[in-house]
């Protein structure tokens, strides 16, 4: 009985192991490589998203915004629901920083990907009838819409598509504000819908002047014939200094998308 047990045990030991074919090993290696690629590349957006949420909980919206932007860039297009969540929290980070209009745009993009959800509630709370960040007063909302429309017209008429100097920015703002006061004194906006207000704003035409650029050329800000190419003459502020040494010495560009402009 013992011999039979040893014999059976011996037979089990002497069994030859099956060899794995080379093709099978290659398939396993490819599967492992594909899995690692999926974790490293395809799911890196999720890691950045979690890091962004952690920074938001730690009250660090600037750091959170960097991670959330990377998550948006890496998130697969087919994951619409996940991308909507990333865009929603990106809007929250932008609002905490002070980029209110950018936050509204991010929530709008999130709502397009997913109709329901928190983005819709935030848009109702923080955006106005023009699709911009709410200012608290209806008159301020109307002014911002009018101002943005006129500044956009001015920038489209320039080759540089930007505000060149602080003096140019102040003069354009004053011209737009004068036109706004004339519009307010001529008509009432209280009983008009947003569509009617926008049509009224588009009907206002402002003649923007020419400006002297530091490079020595004059660039027009509109189609009007008013010329204010100060050049090397005295500055219009009344300081008595040449324009290029007074208000025209600042060369800091101000774009239309600047939140402070």
Foldseek 3Di string as FASTA:
>chain_A
DVVVVVVVVVVVVPDDDDDDDPVVVVVVVVVVVVVVCCVPQACVLVVLQVVLVVCVVVVNLVSSLVSLVVSLVRHDPVPLLVNLVSLQVNLVSCVSVPNQFVSLVSLVSSCVSPVDDDSVVVCVVQPDPVSGGDDPDPVVVLLVVLLLVQLQLLLVQWPVSWQFFPVSVVVSVVQSVVLVVVVVVVDPDPPDDPVVSVVVSVPDDTQFEWEQAPVGDIIGRDDDDHYDHQGQHAPPVPPRHGNCVPRVVGGDIGHSSDPVD
